[in-house]
Amino acid sequence: MRQVGIFEAKTHLSELLAEVEKGMTLTITRRGHAIAVLSPVTDKATQRQAAAAALAEIRRSQKQPVTADDILSWKEEGRRL
């Protein structure tokens, strides 16, 4: 992942967008601190496939199968934080 400063992002936006369009992800920084990520847009089908693959990997890594109740409890746990 390439990092670019705000000034470079402003002055070379067209070129940076062309790189992102090709699949590159860029981090935009201010004084060395990341403030934004510029990444290509993916369609819903691609996102669903990636989520399904991630879920399948989690299931393979678990000694016990992940149930819907497990997922709902994790979701609720995240809301409490």
N, C-alpha and C. Protein backbone atom coordinates (compact mmCIF):
# COMPACT_ATOMS: atom_id res chain seq x y z
N MET A 1 0.85 -1.17 0.00
CA MET A 1 0.00 0.00 0.00
C MET A 1 0.90 1.24 0.00
N ARG A 2 0.70 2.06 -0.98
CA ARG A 2 1.50 3.27 -1.13
C ARG A 2 0.93 4.39 -0.27
N GLN A 3 1.81 5.22 0.30
CA GLN A 3 1.38 6.37 1.08
C GLN A 3 1.74 7.64 0.34
N VAL A 4 0.80 8.59 0.32
CA VAL A 4 1.05 9.90 -0.30
C VAL A 4 0.56 10.99 0.65
N GLY A 5 1.25 12.10 0.63
CA GLY A 5 0.84 13.24 1.44
C GLY A 5 -0.32 13.98 0.78
N ILE A 6 -0.95 14.83 1.57
CA ILE A 6 -2.11 15.58 1.08
C ILE A 6 -1.73 16.44 -0.13
N PHE A 7 -0.60 17.13 -0.07
CA PHE A 7 -0.20 18.00 -1.17
C PHE A 7 -0.05 17.20 -2.45
N GLU A 8 0.65 16.06 -2.37
CA GLU A 8 0.82 15.22 -3.56
C GLU A 8 -0.53 14.71 -4.06
N ALA A 9 -1.42 14.33 -3.14
CA ALA A 9 -2.74 13.83 -3.53
C ALA A 9 -3.52 14.91 -4.27
N LYS A 10 -3.43 16.15 -3.79
CA LYS A 10 -4.15 17.25 -4.44
C LYS A 10 -3.57 17.56 -5.81
N THR A 11 -2.26 17.57 -5.92
CA THR A 11 -1.64 17.98 -7.18
C THR A 11 -1.62 16.87 -8.23
N HIS A 12 -1.71 15.62 -7.81
CA HIS A 12 -1.63 14.50 -8.74
C HIS A 12 -2.86 13.59 -8.65
N LEU A 13 -4.01 14.16 -8.34
CA LEU A 13 -5.21 13.36 -8.12
C LEU A 13 -5.55 12.49 -9.33
N SER A 14 -5.47 13.03 -10.52
CA SER A 14 -5.82 12.26 -11.72
C SER A 14 -4.95 11.02 -11.86
N GLU A 15 -3.63 11.19 -11.67
CA GLU A 15 -2.72 10.06 -11.78
C GLU A 15 -2.98 9.03 -10.67
N LEU A 16 -3.24 9.51 -9.47
CA LEU A 16 -3.49 8.60 -8.35
C LEU A 16 -4.78 7.81 -8.57
N LEU A 17 -5.81 8.48 -9.11
CA LEU A 17 -7.06 7.79 -9.40
C LEU A 17 -6.87 6.73 -10.48
N ALA A 18 -5.99 7.00 -11.44
CA ALA A 18 -5.70 6.01 -12.48
C ALA A 18 -5.05 4.77 -11.85
N GLU A 19 -4.16 4.97 -10.88
CA GLU A 19 -3.53 3.85 -10.19
C GLU A 19 -4.56 3.06 -9.38
N VAL A 20 -5.44 3.78 -8.70
CA VAL A 20 -6.48 3.12 -7.91
C VAL A 20 -7.40 2.32 -8.82
N GLU A 21 -7.70 2.87 -9.97
CA GLU A 21 -8.56 2.20 -10.93
C GLU A 21 -7.96 0.86 -11.38
N LYS A 22 -6.64 0.78 -11.37
CA LYS A 22 -5.94 -0.45 -11.75
C LYS A 22 -5.88 -1.45 -10.59
N GLY A 23 -6.35 -1.05 -9.40
CA GLY A 23 -6.40 -1.97 -8.27
C GLY A 23 -5.53 -1.59 -7.09
N MET A 24 -4.73 -0.56 -7.20
CA MET A 24 -3.86 -0.15 -6.10
C MET A 24 -4.66 0.55 -5.00
N THR A 25 -4.25 0.37 -3.76
CA THR A 25 -4.85 1.08 -2.64
C THR A 25 -3.82 2.07 -2.11
N LEU A 26 -4.25 3.31 -1.87
CA LEU A 26 -3.36 4.36 -1.40
C LEU A 26 -3.80 4.87 -0.04
N THR A 27 -2.84 5.21 0.79
CA THR A 27 -3.12 5.86 2.06
C THR A 27 -2.71 7.32 1.94
N ILE A 28 -3.62 8.21 2.29
CA ILE A 28 -3.32 9.64 2.26
C ILE A 28 -2.94 10.06 3.67
N THR A 29 -1.82 10.77 3.78
CA THR A 29 -1.31 11.14 5.10
C THR A 29 -1.25 12.65 5.26
N ARG A 30 -1.31 13.07 6.51
CA ARG A 30 -1.08 14.47 6.89
C ARG A 30 0.02 14.46 7.94
N ARG A 31 1.14 15.05 7.61
CA ARG A 31 2.29 15.10 8.51
C ARG A 31 2.68 13.70 9.01
N GLY A 32 2.62 12.74 8.10
CA GLY A 32 3.05 11.38 8.42
C GLY A 32 2.01 10.49 9.07
N HIS A 33 0.83 11.03 9.36
CA HIS A 33 -0.23 10.24 9.99
C HIS A 33 -1.33 9.94 8.97
N ALA A 34 -1.70 8.67 8.88
CA ALA A 34 -2.73 8.26 7.93
C ALA A 34 -4.06 8.91 8.29
N ILE A 35 -4.72 9.49 7.27
CA ILE A 35 -6.03 10.10 7.52
C ILE A 35 -7.12 9.55 6.61
N ALA A 36 -6.73 8.90 5.50
CA ALA A 36 -7.73 8.36 4.58
C ALA A 36 -7.11 7.25 3.75
N VAL A 37 -7.98 6.38 3.25
CA VAL A 37 -7.56 5.32 2.34
C VAL A 37 -8.35 5.47 1.05
N LEU A 38 -7.66 5.44 -0.04
CA LEU A 38 -8.27 5.53 -1.37
C LEU A 38 -8.13 4.16 -2.01
N SER A 39 -9.27 3.51 -2.23
CA SER A 39 -9.24 2.15 -2.77
C SER A 39 -10.28 1.98 -3.87
N PRO A 40 -10.08 0.98 -4.74
CA PRO A 40 -11.03 0.78 -5.82
C PRO A 40 -12.39 0.31 -5.31
N VAL A 41 -13.42 0.69 -6.03
CA VAL A 41 -14.78 0.27 -5.69
C VAL A 41 -14.98 -1.14 -6.23
N THR A 42 -15.59 -1.99 -5.40
CA THR A 42 -15.89 -3.34 -5.85
C THR A 42 -17.40 -3.50 -5.92
N ASP A 43 -17.85 -4.37 -6.79
CA ASP A 43 -19.28 -4.59 -6.89
C ASP A 43 -19.77 -5.50 -5.77
N LYS A 44 -21.07 -5.54 -5.57
CA LYS A 44 -21.66 -6.33 -4.48
C LYS A 44 -21.34 -7.82 -4.61
N ALA A 45 -21.33 -8.34 -5.82
CA ALA A 45 -21.06 -9.76 -6.01
C ALA A 45 -19.64 -10.10 -5.55
N THR A 46 -18.69 -9.24 -5.87
CA THR A 46 -17.31 -9.45 -5.44
C THR A 46 -17.21 -9.38 -3.92
N GLN A 47 -17.91 -8.42 -3.31
CA GLN A 47 -17.89 -8.30 -1.86
C GLN A 47 -18.50 -9.53 -1.20
N ARG A 48 -19.60 -10.04 -1.76
CA ARG A 48 -20.24 -11.24 -1.22
C ARG A 48 -19.31 -12.44 -1.31
N GLN A 49 -18.63 -12.58 -2.44
CA GLN A 49 -17.70 -13.69 -2.61
C GLN A 49 -16.56 -13.60 -1.61
N ALA A 50 -16.04 -12.40 -1.39
CA ALA A 50 -14.96 -12.22 -0.42
C ALA A 50 -15.44 -12.53 0.98
N ALA A 51 -16.64 -12.10 1.33
CA ALA A 51 -17.19 -12.38 2.66
C ALA A 51 -17.42 -13.88 2.84
N ALA A 52 -17.93 -14.53 1.81
CA ALA A 52 -18.16 -15.98 1.89
C ALA A 52 -16.84 -16.72 2.06
N ALA A 53 -15.82 -16.30 1.34
CA ALA A 53 -14.50 -16.93 1.46
C ALA A 53 -13.92 -16.72 2.85
N ALA A 54 -14.09 -15.51 3.40
CA ALA A 54 -13.59 -15.23 4.75
C ALA A 54 -14.33 -16.08 5.78
N LEU A 55 -15.64 -16.19 5.63
CA LEU A 55 -16.42 -17.00 6.56
C LEU A 55 -16.02 -18.48 6.46
N ALA A 56 -15.79 -18.96 5.25
CA ALA A 56 -15.36 -20.35 5.07
C ALA A 56 -14.01 -20.59 5.73
N GLU A 57 -13.11 -19.62 5.63
CA GLU A 57 -11.79 -19.74 6.28
C GLU A 57 -11.94 -19.77 7.79
N ILE A 58 -12.82 -18.94 8.33
CA ILE A 58 -13.06 -18.95 9.78
C ILE A 58 -13.60 -20.29 10.21
N ARG A 59 -14.54 -20.81 9.43
CA ARG A 59 -15.11 -22.11 9.77
C ARG A 59 -14.06 -23.21 9.75
N ARG A 60 -13.16 -23.18 8.77
CA ARG A 60 -12.09 -24.19 8.70
C ARG A 60 -11.14 -24.08 9.88
N SER A 61 -10.91 -22.86 10.36
CA SER A 61 -9.95 -22.66 11.44
C SER A 61 -10.54 -22.98 12.82
N GLN A 62 -11.83 -23.08 12.92
CA GLN A 62 -12.49 -23.37 14.19
C GLN A 62 -12.48 -24.87 14.46
N LYS A 63 -12.27 -25.23 15.72
CA LYS A 63 -12.36 -26.65 16.08
C LYS A 63 -13.82 -27.08 16.14
N GLN A 64 -14.68 -26.15 16.52
CA GLN A 64 -16.11 -26.40 16.53
C GLN A 64 -16.75 -25.50 15.48
N PRO A 65 -17.80 -25.98 14.85
CA PRO A 65 -18.43 -25.14 13.82
C PRO A 65 -19.00 -23.85 14.39
N VAL A 66 -18.98 -22.80 13.58
CA VAL A 66 -19.56 -21.52 13.96
C VAL A 66 -21.05 -21.59 13.65
N THR A 67 -21.86 -21.25 14.65
CA THR A 67 -23.31 -21.28 14.46
C THR A 67 -23.84 -19.86 14.29
N ALA A 68 -25.07 -19.77 13.88
CA ALA A 68 -25.72 -18.46 13.75
C ALA A 68 -25.79 -17.77 15.11
N ASP A 69 -26.03 -18.54 16.17
CA ASP A 69 -26.06 -17.96 17.52
C ASP A 69 -24.71 -17.35 17.89
N ASP A 70 -23.61 -18.02 17.51
CA ASP A 70 -22.28 -17.47 17.77
C ASP A 70 -22.12 -16.11 17.09
N ILE A 71 -22.50 -16.06 15.83
CA ILE A 71 -22.36 -14.81 15.07
C ILE A 71 -23.21 -13.71 15.68
N LEU A 72 -24.44 -14.02 16.06
CA LEU A 72 -25.31 -13.01 16.68
C LEU A 72 -24.75 -12.54 18.01
N SER A 73 -24.17 -13.43 18.79
CA SER A 73 -23.60 -13.02 20.08
C SER A 73 -22.38 -12.14 19.86
N TRP A 74 -21.55 -12.46 18.85
CA TRP A 74 -20.40 -11.61 18.55
C TRP A 74 -20.86 -10.23 18.10
N LYS A 75 -21.93 -10.20 17.32
CA LYS A 75 -22.47 -8.93 16.84
C LYS A 75 -22.94 -8.07 18.02
N GLU A 76 -23.67 -8.70 18.93
CA GLU A 76 -24.16 -7.96 20.11
C GLU A 76 -23.00 -7.52 21.00
N GLU A 77 -21.98 -8.34 21.12
CA GLU A 77 -20.82 -7.99 21.93
C GLU A 77 -20.14 -6.75 21.37
N GLY A 78 -20.05 -6.67 20.04
CA GLY A 78 -19.44 -5.51 19.41
C GLY A 78 -20.23 -4.24 19.65
N ARG A 79 -21.53 -4.35 19.78
CA ARG A 79 -22.37 -3.16 20.03
C ARG A 79 -22.19 -2.64 21.44
N ARG A 80 -21.79 -3.48 22.36
CA ARG A 80 -21.63 -3.05 23.74
C ARG A 80 -20.37 -2.25 23.95
N LEU A 81 -19.42 -2.36 23.03
CA LEU A 81 -18.13 -1.68 23.23
C LEU A 81 -18.19 -0.25 22.90
